[in-house]
mmCIF file of all heavy atoms, coordinates in Angstrom:
data_MODEL
# 
_entry.id   MODEL 
# 
loop_
_atom_site.group_PDB 
_atom_site.id 
_atom_site.type_symbol 
_atom_site.label_atom_id 
_atom_site.label_alt_id 
_atom_site.label_comp_id 
_atom_site.label_asym_id 
_atom_site.label_entity_id 
_atom_site.label_seq_id 
_atom_site.pdbx_PDB_ins_code 
_atom_site.Cartn_x 
_atom_site.Cartn_y 
_atom_site.Cartn_z 
_atom_site.occupancy 
_atom_site.B_iso_or_equiv 
_atom_site.pdbx_formal_charge 
_atom_site.auth_seq_id 
_atom_site.auth_comp_id 
_atom_site.auth_asym_id 
_atom_site.auth_atom_id 
_atom_site.pdbx_PDB_model_num 
ATOM 1   N N   . THR A 1 1  ? 140.299 24.556 32.996 1.00 0.00 ? 1  THR A N   1 
ATOM 2   C CA  . THR A 1 1  ? 139.898 25.950 33.132 1.00 0.00 ? 1  THR A CA  1 
ATOM 3   C C   . THR A 1 1  ? 139.038 26.363 31.946 1.00 0.00 ? 1  THR A C   1 
ATOM 4   O O   . THR A 1 1  ? 139.513 26.446 30.817 1.00 0.00 ? 1  THR A O   1 
ATOM 5   C CB  . THR A 1 1  ? 141.123 26.854 33.238 1.00 0.00 ? 1  THR A CB  1 
ATOM 6   O OG1 . THR A 1 1  ? 141.940 26.435 34.335 1.00 0.00 ? 1  THR A OG1 1 
ATOM 7   C CG2 . THR A 1 1  ? 140.704 28.301 33.467 1.00 0.00 ? 1  THR A CG2 1 
ATOM 8   N N   . PHE A 1 2  ? 137.782 26.641 32.216 1.00 0.00 ? 2  PHE A N   1 
ATOM 9   C CA  . PHE A 1 2  ? 136.811 26.928 31.174 1.00 0.00 ? 2  PHE A CA  1 
ATOM 10  C C   . PHE A 1 2  ? 137.192 28.138 30.333 1.00 0.00 ? 2  PHE A C   1 
ATOM 11  O O   . PHE A 1 2  ? 136.979 28.148 29.112 1.00 0.00 ? 2  PHE A O   1 
ATOM 12  C CB  . PHE A 1 2  ? 135.437 27.127 31.826 1.00 0.00 ? 2  PHE A CB  1 
ATOM 13  C CG  . PHE A 1 2  ? 134.318 27.353 30.859 1.00 0.00 ? 2  PHE A CG  1 
ATOM 14  C CD1 . PHE A 1 2  ? 133.918 26.358 29.989 1.00 0.00 ? 2  PHE A CD1 1 
ATOM 15  C CD2 . PHE A 1 2  ? 133.644 28.566 30.839 1.00 0.00 ? 2  PHE A CD2 1 
ATOM 16  C CE1 . PHE A 1 2  ? 132.873 26.559 29.107 1.00 0.00 ? 2  PHE A CE1 1 
ATOM 17  C CE2 . PHE A 1 2  ? 132.592 28.775 29.966 1.00 0.00 ? 2  PHE A CE2 1 
ATOM 18  C CZ  . PHE A 1 2  ? 132.208 27.772 29.101 1.00 0.00 ? 2  PHE A CZ  1 
ATOM 19  N N   . SER A 1 3  ? 137.753 29.153 30.949 1.00 0.00 ? 3  SER A N   1 
ATOM 20  C CA  . SER A 1 3  ? 138.064 30.391 30.246 1.00 0.00 ? 3  SER A CA  1 
ATOM 21  C C   . SER A 1 3  ? 139.181 30.239 29.222 1.00 0.00 ? 3  SER A C   1 
ATOM 22  O O   . SER A 1 3  ? 139.415 31.161 28.435 1.00 0.00 ? 3  SER A O   1 
ATOM 23  C CB  . SER A 1 3  ? 138.422 31.492 31.242 1.00 0.00 ? 3  SER A CB  1 
ATOM 24  O OG  . SER A 1 3  ? 139.558 31.129 32.010 1.00 0.00 ? 3  SER A OG  1 
ATOM 25  N N   . ARG A 1 4  ? 139.866 29.123 29.185 1.00 0.00 ? 4  ARG A N   1 
ATOM 26  C CA  . ARG A 1 4  ? 140.927 28.879 28.208 1.00 0.00 ? 4  ARG A CA  1 
ATOM 27  C C   . ARG A 1 4  ? 140.378 28.452 26.845 1.00 0.00 ? 4  ARG A C   1 
ATOM 28  O O   . ARG A 1 4  ? 141.151 28.301 25.896 1.00 0.00 ? 4  ARG A O   1 
ATOM 29  C CB  . ARG A 1 4  ? 141.884 27.811 28.709 1.00 0.00 ? 4  ARG A CB  1 
ATOM 30  C CG  . ARG A 1 4  ? 142.691 28.217 29.941 1.00 0.00 ? 4  ARG A CG  1 
ATOM 31  C CD  . ARG A 1 4  ? 143.562 27.073 30.416 1.00 0.00 ? 4  ARG A CD  1 
ATOM 32  N NE  . ARG A 1 4  ? 144.345 27.432 31.595 1.00 0.00 ? 4  ARG A NE  1 
ATOM 33  C CZ  . ARG A 1 4  ? 145.113 26.590 32.260 1.00 0.00 ? 4  ARG A CZ  1 
ATOM 34  N NH1 . ARG A 1 4  ? 145.212 25.319 31.859 1.00 0.00 ? 4  ARG A NH1 1 
ATOM 35  N NH2 . ARG A 1 4  ? 145.784 27.002 33.325 1.00 0.00 ? 4  ARG A NH2 1 
ATOM 36  N N   . TYR A 1 5  ? 139.069 28.258 26.742 1.00 0.00 ? 5  TYR A N   1 
ATOM 37  C CA  . TYR A 1 5  ? 138.476 27.716 25.534 1.00 0.00 ? 5  TYR A CA  1 
ATOM 38  C C   . TYR A 1 5  ? 137.487 28.662 24.885 1.00 0.00 ? 5  TYR A C   1 
ATOM 39  O O   . TYR A 1 5  ? 136.639 29.255 25.556 1.00 0.00 ? 5  TYR A O   1 
ATOM 40  C CB  . TYR A 1 5  ? 137.742 26.408 25.851 1.00 0.00 ? 5  TYR A CB  1 
ATOM 41  C CG  . TYR A 1 5  ? 138.627 25.329 26.407 1.00 0.00 ? 5  TYR A CG  1 
ATOM 42  C CD1 . TYR A 1 5  ? 138.844 25.223 27.782 1.00 0.00 ? 5  TYR A CD1 1 
ATOM 43  C CD2 . TYR A 1 5  ? 139.241 24.418 25.564 1.00 0.00 ? 5  TYR A CD2 1 
ATOM 44  C CE1 . TYR A 1 5  ? 139.668 24.234 28.294 1.00 0.00 ? 5  TYR A CE1 1 
ATOM 45  C CE2 . TYR A 1 5  ? 140.059 23.427 26.073 1.00 0.00 ? 5  TYR A CE2 1 
ATOM 46  C CZ  . TYR A 1 5  ? 140.268 23.340 27.433 1.00 0.00 ? 5  TYR A CZ  1 
ATOM 47  O OH  . TYR A 1 5  ? 141.082 22.346 27.934 1.00 0.00 ? 5  TYR A OH  1 
ATOM 48  N N   . ALA A 1 6  ? 137.601 28.798 23.573 1.00 0.00 ? 6  ALA A N   1 
ATOM 49  C CA  . ALA A 1 6  ? 136.473 29.280 22.799 1.00 0.00 ? 6  ALA A CA  1 
ATOM 50  C C   . ALA A 1 6  ? 135.452 28.148 22.748 1.00 0.00 ? 6  ALA A C   1 
ATOM 51  O O   . ALA A 1 6  ? 135.823 26.972 22.766 1.00 0.00 ? 6  ALA A O   1 
ATOM 52  C CB  . ALA A 1 6  ? 136.905 29.673 21.390 1.00 0.00 ? 6  ALA A CB  1 
ATOM 53  N N   . MET A 1 7  ? 134.177 28.491 22.707 1.00 0.00 ? 7  MET A N   1 
ATOM 54  C CA  . MET A 1 7  ? 133.133 27.482 22.757 1.00 0.00 ? 7  MET A CA  1 
ATOM 55  C C   . MET A 1 7  ? 132.205 27.599 21.562 1.00 0.00 ? 7  MET A C   1 
ATOM 56  O O   . MET A 1 7  ? 131.890 28.708 21.110 1.00 0.00 ? 7  MET A O   1 
ATOM 57  C CB  . MET A 1 7  ? 132.314 27.614 24.041 1.00 0.00 ? 7  MET A CB  1 
ATOM 58  C CG  . MET A 1 7  ? 133.118 27.401 25.317 1.00 0.00 ? 7  MET A CG  1 
ATOM 59  S SD  . MET A 1 7  ? 133.755 25.701 25.468 1.00 0.00 ? 7  MET A SD  1 
ATOM 60  C CE  . MET A 1 7  ? 132.214 24.772 25.569 1.00 0.00 ? 7  MET A CE  1 
ATOM 61  N N   . GLY A 1 8  ? 131.758 26.457 21.077 1.00 0.00 ? 8  GLY A N   1 
ATOM 62  C CA  . GLY A 1 8  ? 130.866 26.447 19.936 1.00 0.00 ? 8  GLY A CA  1 
ATOM 63  C C   . GLY A 1 8  ? 129.731 25.462 20.089 1.00 0.00 ? 8  GLY A C   1 
ATOM 64  O O   . GLY A 1 8  ? 129.777 24.554 20.922 1.00 0.00 ? 8  GLY A O   1 
ATOM 65  N N   . TRP A 1 9  ? 128.700 25.678 19.285 1.00 0.00 ? 9  TRP A N   1 
ATOM 66  C CA  . TRP A 1 9  ? 127.574 24.750 19.166 1.00 0.00 ? 9  TRP A CA  1 
ATOM 67  C C   . TRP A 1 9  ? 127.492 24.265 17.723 1.00 0.00 ? 9  TRP A C   1 
ATOM 68  O O   . TRP A 1 9  ? 127.570 25.068 16.783 1.00 0.00 ? 9  TRP A O   1 
ATOM 69  C CB  . TRP A 1 9  ? 126.248 25.400 19.547 1.00 0.00 ? 9  TRP A CB  1 
ATOM 70  C CG  . TRP A 1 9  ? 126.058 25.621 21.014 1.00 0.00 ? 9  TRP A CG  1 
ATOM 71  C CD1 . TRP A 1 9  ? 126.323 26.753 21.722 1.00 0.00 ? 9  TRP A CD1 1 
ATOM 72  C CD2 . TRP A 1 9  ? 125.534 24.681 21.953 1.00 0.00 ? 9  TRP A CD2 1 
ATOM 73  N NE1 . TRP A 1 9  ? 126.000 26.579 23.037 1.00 0.00 ? 9  TRP A NE1 1 
ATOM 74  C CE2 . TRP A 1 9  ? 125.512 25.311 23.216 1.00 0.00 ? 9  TRP A CE2 1 
ATOM 75  C CE3 . TRP A 1 9  ? 125.075 23.365 21.868 1.00 0.00 ? 9  TRP A CE3 1 
ATOM 76  C CZ2 . TRP A 1 9  ? 125.058 24.676 24.376 1.00 0.00 ? 9  TRP A CZ2 1 
ATOM 77  C CZ3 . TRP A 1 9  ? 124.629 22.729 23.011 1.00 0.00 ? 9  TRP A CZ3 1 
ATOM 78  C CH2 . TRP A 1 9  ? 124.625 23.384 24.246 1.00 0.00 ? 9  TRP A CH2 1 
ATOM 79  N N   . PHE A 1 10 ? 127.336 22.961 17.567 1.00 0.00 ? 10 PHE A N   1 
ATOM 80  C CA  . PHE A 1 10 ? 127.132 22.326 16.276 1.00 0.00 ? 10 PHE A CA  1 
ATOM 81  C C   . PHE A 1 10 ? 125.868 21.480 16.351 1.00 0.00 ? 10 PHE A C   1 
ATOM 82  O O   . PHE A 1 10 ? 125.417 21.112 17.432 1.00 0.00 ? 10 PHE A O   1 
ATOM 83  C CB  . PHE A 1 10 ? 128.321 21.434 15.909 1.00 0.00 ? 10 PHE A CB  1 
ATOM 84  C CG  . PHE A 1 10 ? 129.597 22.181 15.627 1.00 0.00 ? 10 PHE A CG  1 
ATOM 85  C CD1 . PHE A 1 10 ? 130.336 22.749 16.654 1.00 0.00 ? 10 PHE A CD1 1 
ATOM 86  C CD2 . PHE A 1 10 ? 130.068 22.306 14.327 1.00 0.00 ? 10 PHE A CD2 1 
ATOM 87  C CE1 . PHE A 1 10 ? 131.510 23.430 16.402 1.00 0.00 ? 10 PHE A CE1 1 
ATOM 88  C CE2 . PHE A 1 10 ? 131.246 22.978 14.059 1.00 0.00 ? 10 PHE A CE2 1 
ATOM 89  C CZ  . PHE A 1 10 ? 131.964 23.544 15.094 1.00 0.00 ? 10 PHE A CZ  1 
ATOM 90  N N   . ARG A 1 11 ? 125.312 21.151 15.200 1.00 0.00 ? 11 ARG A N   1 
ATOM 91  C CA  . ARG A 1 11 ? 124.141 20.278 15.186 1.00 0.00 ? 11 ARG A CA  1 
ATOM 92  C C   . ARG A 1 11 ? 124.229 19.302 14.030 1.00 0.00 ? 11 ARG A C   1 
ATOM 93  O O   . ARG A 1 11 ? 124.834 19.578 12.998 1.00 0.00 ? 11 ARG A O   1 
ATOM 94  C CB  . ARG A 1 11 ? 122.843 21.090 15.100 1.00 0.00 ? 11 ARG A CB  1 
ATOM 95  C CG  . ARG A 1 11 ? 122.660 21.877 13.812 1.00 0.00 ? 11 ARG A CG  1 
ATOM 96  C CD  . ARG A 1 11 ? 121.435 22.776 13.903 1.00 0.00 ? 11 ARG A CD  1 
ATOM 97  N NE  . ARG A 1 11 ? 121.208 23.522 12.685 1.00 0.00 ? 11 ARG A NE  1 
ATOM 98  C CZ  . ARG A 1 11 ? 120.294 24.468 12.542 1.00 0.00 ? 11 ARG A CZ  1 
ATOM 99  N NH1 . ARG A 1 11 ? 119.507 24.787 13.569 1.00 0.00 ? 11 ARG A NH1 1 
ATOM 100 N NH2 . ARG A 1 11 ? 120.153 25.093 11.380 1.00 0.00 ? 11 ARG A NH2 1 
ATOM 101 N N   . GLN A 1 12 ? 123.587 18.155 14.217 1.00 0.00 ? 12 GLN A N   1 
ATOM 102 C CA  . GLN A 1 12 ? 123.583 17.127 13.193 1.00 0.00 ? 12 GLN A CA  1 
ATOM 103 C C   . GLN A 1 12 ? 122.191 16.524 13.092 1.00 0.00 ? 12 GLN A C   1 
ATOM 104 O O   . GLN A 1 12 ? 121.714 15.877 14.023 1.00 0.00 ? 12 GLN A O   1 
ATOM 105 C CB  . GLN A 1 12 ? 124.608 16.040 13.494 1.00 0.00 ? 12 GLN A CB  1 
ATOM 106 C CG  . GLN A 1 12 ? 124.747 15.013 12.386 1.00 0.00 ? 12 GLN A CG  1 
ATOM 107 C CD  . GLN A 1 12 ? 125.945 14.111 12.579 1.00 0.00 ? 12 GLN A CD  1 
ATOM 108 O OE1 . GLN A 1 12 ? 126.482 14.003 13.676 1.00 0.00 ? 12 GLN A OE1 1 
ATOM 109 N NE2 . GLN A 1 12 ? 126.375 13.468 11.509 1.00 0.00 ? 12 GLN A NE2 1 
ATOM 110 N N   . ALA A 1 13 ? 121.554 16.765 11.961 1.00 0.00 ? 13 ALA A N   1 
ATOM 111 C CA  . ALA A 1 13 ? 120.259 16.176 11.682 1.00 0.00 ? 13 ALA A CA  1 
ATOM 112 C C   . ALA A 1 13 ? 120.453 14.782 11.101 1.00 0.00 ? 13 ALA A C   1 
ATOM 113 O O   . ALA A 1 13 ? 121.498 14.478 10.526 1.00 0.00 ? 13 ALA A O   1 
ATOM 114 C CB  . ALA A 1 13 ? 119.468 17.049 10.713 1.00 0.00 ? 13 ALA A CB  1 
ATOM 115 N N   . ARG A 1 14 ? 119.439 13.939 11.235 1.00 0.00 ? 14 ARG A N   1 
ATOM 116 C CA  . ARG A 1 14 ? 119.524 12.593 10.693 1.00 0.00 ? 14 ARG A CA  1 
ATOM 117 C C   . ARG A 1 14 ? 119.755 12.625 9.194  1.00 0.00 ? 14 ARG A C   1 
ATOM 118 O O   . ARG A 1 14 ? 119.058 13.331 8.466  1.00 0.00 ? 14 ARG A O   1 
ATOM 119 C CB  . ARG A 1 14 ? 118.267 11.802 11.021 1.00 0.00 ? 14 ARG A CB  1 
ATOM 120 C CG  . ARG A 1 14 ? 118.304 11.176 12.412 1.00 0.00 ? 14 ARG A CG  1 
ATOM 121 C CD  . ARG A 1 14 ? 117.168 10.204 12.593 1.00 0.00 ? 14 ARG A CD  1 
ATOM 122 N NE  . ARG A 1 14 ? 115.917 10.889 12.851 1.00 0.00 ? 14 ARG A NE  1 
ATOM 123 C CZ  . ARG A 1 14 ? 115.487 11.224 14.058 1.00 0.00 ? 14 ARG A CZ  1 
ATOM 124 N NH1 . ARG A 1 14 ? 116.222 10.948 15.123 1.00 0.00 ? 14 ARG A NH1 1 
ATOM 125 N NH2 . ARG A 1 14 ? 114.329 11.840 14.198 1.00 0.00 ? 14 ARG A NH2 1 
ATOM 126 N N   . GLY A 1 15 ? 120.757 11.893 8.752  1.00 0.00 ? 15 GLY A N   1 
ATOM 127 C CA  . GLY A 1 15 ? 121.078 11.822 7.351  1.00 0.00 ? 15 GLY A CA  1 
ATOM 128 C C   . GLY A 1 15 ? 121.925 12.960 6.825  1.00 0.00 ? 15 GLY A C   1 
ATOM 129 O O   . GLY A 1 15 ? 122.203 13.011 5.622  1.00 0.00 ? 15 GLY A O   1 
ATOM 130 N N   . LYS A 1 16 ? 122.343 13.873 7.698  1.00 0.00 ? 16 LYS A N   1 
ATOM 131 C CA  . LYS A 1 16 ? 123.144 15.011 7.281  1.00 0.00 ? 16 LYS A CA  1 
ATOM 132 C C   . LYS A 1 16 ? 124.436 15.081 8.085  1.00 0.00 ? 16 LYS A C   1 
ATOM 133 O O   . LYS A 1 16 ? 124.566 14.481 9.149  1.00 0.00 ? 16 LYS A O   1 
ATOM 134 C CB  . LYS A 1 16 ? 122.360 16.311 7.444  1.00 0.00 ? 16 LYS A CB  1 
ATOM 135 C CG  . LYS A 1 16 ? 121.113 16.401 6.582  1.00 0.00 ? 16 LYS A CG  1 
ATOM 136 C CD  . LYS A 1 16 ? 120.439 17.747 6.739  1.00 0.00 ? 16 LYS A CD  1 
ATOM 137 C CE  . LYS A 1 16 ? 119.209 17.846 5.858  1.00 0.00 ? 16 LYS A CE  1 
ATOM 138 N NZ  . LYS A 1 16 ? 118.542 19.170 6.012  1.00 0.00 ? 16 LYS A NZ  1 
ATOM 139 N N   . GLU A 1 17 ? 125.387 15.842 7.571  1.00 0.00 ? 17 GLU A N   1 
ATOM 140 C CA  . GLU A 1 17 ? 126.645 16.043 8.264  1.00 0.00 ? 17 GLU A CA  1 
ATOM 141 C C   . GLU A 1 17 ? 126.495 17.066 9.377  1.00 0.00 ? 17 GLU A C   1 
ATOM 142 O O   . GLU A 1 17 ? 125.593 17.909 9.360  1.00 0.00 ? 17 GLU A O   1 
ATOM 143 C CB  . GLU A 1 17 ? 127.731 16.494 7.284  1.00 0.00 ? 17 GLU A CB  1 
ATOM 144 C CG  . GLU A 1 17 ? 128.087 15.451 6.242  1.00 0.00 ? 17 GLU A CG  1 
ATOM 145 C CD  . GLU A 1 17 ? 129.237 15.882 5.360  1.00 0.00 ? 17 GLU A CD  1 
ATOM 146 O OE1 . GLU A 1 17 ? 129.689 17.034 5.481  1.00 0.00 ? 17 GLU A OE1 1 
ATOM 147 O OE2 . GLU A 1 17 ? 129.689 15.056 4.548  1.00 0.00 ? 17 GLU A OE2 1 
ATOM 148 N N   . ARG A 1 18 ? 127.378 16.990 10.354 1.00 0.00 ? 18 ARG A N   1 
ATOM 149 C CA  . ARG A 1 18 ? 127.367 17.954 11.442 1.00 0.00 ? 18 ARG A CA  1 
ATOM 150 C C   . ARG A 1 18 ? 127.703 19.346 10.909 1.00 0.00 ? 18 ARG A C   1 
ATOM 151 O O   . ARG A 1 18 ? 128.656 19.522 10.149 1.00 0.00 ? 18 ARG A O   1 
ATOM 152 C CB  . ARG A 1 18 ? 128.378 17.524 12.505 1.00 0.00 ? 18 ARG A CB  1 
ATOM 153 C CG  . ARG A 1 18 ? 128.284 18.306 13.801 1.00 0.00 ? 18 ARG A CG  1 
ATOM 154 C CD  . ARG A 1 18 ? 129.195 17.694 14.864 1.00 0.00 ? 18 ARG A CD  1 
ATOM 155 N NE  . ARG A 1 18 ? 128.825 16.315 15.166 1.00 0.00 ? 18 ARG A NE  1 
ATOM 156 C CZ  . ARG A 1 18 ? 129.445 15.552 16.053 1.00 0.00 ? 18 ARG A CZ  1 
ATOM 157 N NH1 . ARG A 1 18 ? 130.483 16.034 16.734 1.00 0.00 ? 18 ARG A NH1 1 
ATOM 158 N NH2 . ARG A 1 18 ? 129.038 14.306 16.254 1.00 0.00 ? 18 ARG A NH2 1 
ATOM 159 N N   . GLU A 1 19 ? 126.923 20.344 11.330 1.00 0.00 ? 19 GLU A N   1 
ATOM 160 C CA  . GLU A 1 19 ? 127.125 21.693 10.842 1.00 0.00 ? 19 GLU A CA  1 
ATOM 161 C C   . GLU A 1 19 ? 127.315 22.679 11.990 1.00 0.00 ? 19 GLU A C   1 
ATOM 162 O O   . GLU A 1 19 ? 126.787 22.511 13.088 1.00 0.00 ? 19 GLU A O   1 
ATOM 163 C CB  . GLU A 1 19 ? 125.953 22.149 9.968  1.00 0.00 ? 19 GLU A CB  1 
ATOM 164 C CG  . GLU A 1 19 ? 124.638 22.297 10.710 1.00 0.00 ? 19 GLU A CG  1 
ATOM 165 C CD  . GLU A 1 19 ? 123.544 22.927 9.861  1.00 0.00 ? 19 GLU A CD  1 
ATOM 166 O OE1 . GLU A 1 19 ? 123.854 23.502 8.806  1.00 0.00 ? 19 GLU A OE1 1 
ATOM 167 O OE2 . GLU A 1 19 ? 122.362 22.836 10.274 1.00 0.00 ? 19 GLU A OE2 1 
ATOM 168 N N   . PHE A 1 20 ? 128.048 23.729 11.706 1.00 0.00 ? 20 PHE A N   1 
ATOM 169 C CA  . PHE A 1 20 ? 128.296 24.788 12.668 1.00 0.00 ? 20 PHE A CA  1 
ATOM 170 C C   . PHE A 1 20 ? 127.040 25.604 12.903 1.00 0.00 ? 20 PHE A C   1 
ATOM 171 O O   . PHE A 1 20 ? 126.289 25.900 11.970 1.00 0.00 ? 20 PHE A O   1 
ATOM 172 C CB  . PHE A 1 20 ? 129.417 25.694 12.152 1.00 0.00 ? 20 PHE A CB  1 
ATOM 173 C CG  . PHE A 1 20 ? 129.613 26.944 12.955 1.00 0.00 ? 20 PHE A CG  1 
ATOM 174 C CD1 . PHE A 1 20 ? 130.309 26.909 14.153 1.00 0.00 ? 20 PHE A CD1 1 
ATOM 175 C CD2 . PHE A 1 20 ? 129.106 28.152 12.519 1.00 0.00 ? 20 PHE A CD2 1 
ATOM 176 C CE1 . PHE A 1 20 ? 130.495 28.058 14.904 1.00 0.00 ? 20 PHE A CE1 1 
ATOM 177 C CE2 . PHE A 1 20 ? 129.283 29.307 13.251 1.00 0.00 ? 20 PHE A CE2 1 
ATOM 178 C CZ  . PHE A 1 20 ? 129.978 29.260 14.450 1.00 0.00 ? 20 PHE A CZ  1 
ATOM 179 N N   . VAL A 1 21 ? 126.807 25.991 14.162 1.00 0.00 ? 21 VAL A N   1 
ATOM 180 C CA  . VAL A 1 21 ? 125.666 26.818 14.520 1.00 0.00 ? 21 VAL A CA  1 
ATOM 181 C C   . VAL A 1 21 ? 126.113 28.182 15.043 1.00 0.00 ? 21 VAL A C   1 
ATOM 182 O O   . VAL A 1 21 ? 125.713 29.224 14.529 1.00 0.00 ? 21 VAL A O   1 
ATOM 183 C CB  . VAL A 1 21 ? 124.772 26.135 15.566 1.00 0.00 ? 21 VAL A CB  1 
ATOM 184 C CG1 . VAL A 1 21 ? 123.630 27.060 15.989 1.00 0.00 ? 21 VAL A CG1 1 
ATOM 185 C CG2 . VAL A 1 21 ? 124.226 24.821 15.025 1.00 0.00 ? 21 VAL A CG2 1 
ATOM 186 N N   . ALA A 1 22 ? 126.933 28.187 16.084 1.00 0.00 ? 22 ALA A N   1 
ATOM 187 C CA  . ALA A 1 22 ? 127.362 29.433 16.707 1.00 0.00 ? 22 ALA A CA  1 
ATOM 188 C C   . ALA A 1 22 ? 128.598 29.189 17.548 1.00 0.00 ? 22 ALA A C   1 
ATOM 189 O O   . ALA A 1 22 ? 128.858 28.070 17.984 1.00 0.00 ? 22 ALA A O   1 
ATOM 190 C CB  . ALA A 1 22 ? 126.243 30.017 17.581 1.00 0.00 ? 22 ALA A CB  1 
ATOM 191 N N   . ALA A 1 23 ? 129.364 30.252 17.786 1.00 0.00 ? 23 ALA A N   1 
ATOM 192 C CA  . ALA A 1 23 ? 130.547 30.151 18.635 1.00 0.00 ? 23 ALA A CA  1 
ATOM 193 C C   . ALA A 1 23 ? 130.857 31.504 19.244 1.00 0.00 ? 23 ALA A C   1 
ATOM 194 O O   . ALA A 1 23 ? 130.443 32.546 18.721 1.00 0.00 ? 23 ALA A O   1 
ATOM 195 C CB  . ALA A 1 23 ? 131.749 29.646 17.841 1.00 0.00 ? 23 ALA A CB  1 
ATOM 196 N N   . LEU A 1 24 ? 131.598 31.484 20.343 1.00 0.00 ? 24 LEU A N   1 
ATOM 197 C CA  . LEU A 1 24 ? 132.051 32.719 20.966 1.00 0.00 ? 24 LEU A CA  1 
ATOM 198 C C   . LEU A 1 24 ? 133.445 32.535 21.541 1.00 0.00 ? 24 LEU A C   1 
ATOM 199 O O   . LEU A 1 24 ? 133.861 31.426 21.857 1.00 0.00 ? 24 LEU A O   1 
ATOM 200 C CB  . LEU A 1 24 ? 131.054 33.225 22.013 1.00 0.00 ? 24 LEU A CB  1 
ATOM 201 C CG  . LEU A 1 24 ? 130.968 32.593 23.410 1.00 0.00 ? 24 LEU A CG  1 
ATOM 202 C CD1 . LEU A 1 24 ? 129.908 33.330 24.221 1.00 0.00 ? 24 LEU A CD1 1 
ATOM 203 C CD2 . LEU A 1 24 ? 130.682 31.115 23.372 1.00 0.00 ? 24 LEU A CD2 1 
ATOM 204 N N   . SER A 1 25 ? 134.149 33.647 21.669 1.00 0.00 ? 25 SER A N   1 
ATOM 205 C CA  . SER A 1 25 ? 135.527 33.639 22.111 1.00 0.00 ? 25 SER A CA  1 
ATOM 206 C C   . SER A 1 25 ? 135.635 33.367 23.606 1.00 0.00 ? 25 SER A C   1 
ATOM 207 O O   . SER A 1 25 ? 134.636 33.232 24.311 1.00 0.00 ? 25 SER A O   1 
ATOM 208 C CB  . SER A 1 25 ? 136.194 34.972 21.764 1.00 0.00 ? 25 SER A CB  1 
ATOM 209 O OG  . SER A 1 25 ? 135.518 36.046 22.400 1.00 0.00 ? 25 SER A OG  1 
ATOM 210 N N   . MET A 1 26 ? 136.860 33.301 24.090 1.00 0.00 ? 26 MET A N   1 
ATOM 211 C CA  . MET A 1 26 ? 137.121 32.945 25.483 1.00 0.00 ? 26 MET A CA  1 
ATOM 212 C C   . MET A 1 26 ? 136.384 33.830 26.487 1.00 0.00 ? 26 MET A C   1 
ATOM 213 O O   . MET A 1 26 ? 135.863 33.337 27.496 1.00 0.00 ? 26 MET A O   1 
ATOM 214 C CB  . MET A 1 26 ? 138.625 33.017 25.762 1.00 0.00 ? 26 MET A CB  1 
ATOM 215 C CG  . MET A 1 26 ? 139.446 32.007 24.978 1.00 0.00 ? 26 MET A CG  1 
ATOM 216 S SD  . MET A 1 26 ? 141.215 32.404 24.973 1.00 0.00 ? 26 MET A SD  1 
ATOM 217 C CE  . MET A 1 26 ? 141.601 32.269 26.704 1.00 0.00 ? 26 MET A CE  1 
ATOM 218 N N   . SER A 1 27 ? 136.323 35.113 26.196 1.00 0.00 ? 27 SER A N   1 
ATOM 219 C CA  . SER A 1 27 ? 135.657 36.054 27.088 1.00 0.00 ? 27 SER A CA  1 
ATOM 220 C C   . SER A 1 27 ? 134.195 36.278 26.728 1.00 0.00 ? 27 SER A C   1 
ATOM 221 O O   . SER A 1 27 ? 133.461 36.910 27.497 1.00 0.00 ? 27 SER A O   1 
ATOM 222 C CB  . SER A 1 27 ? 136.381 37.396 27.075 1.00 0.00 ? 27 SER A CB  1 
ATOM 223 O OG  . SER A 1 27 ? 136.237 38.026 25.816 1.00 0.00 ? 27 SER A OG  1 
ATOM 224 N N   . GLY A 1 28 ? 133.783 35.796 25.564 1.00 0.00 ? 28 GLY A N   1 
ATOM 225 C CA  . GLY A 1 28 ? 132.446 36.061 25.077 1.00 0.00 ? 28 GLY A CA  1 
ATOM 226 C C   . GLY A 1 28 ? 132.330 37.342 24.280 1.00 0.00 ? 28 GLY A C   1 
ATOM 227 O O   . GLY A 1 28 ? 131.231 37.699 23.844 1.00 0.00 ? 28 GLY A O   1 
# 
């Protein structure tokens, strides 16, 4: 069930660690 999850976006550039970009709660 998709609505049970908060969702986020992360990104990882070459040679760098994965970093947080954006997130939103279950309802948005």
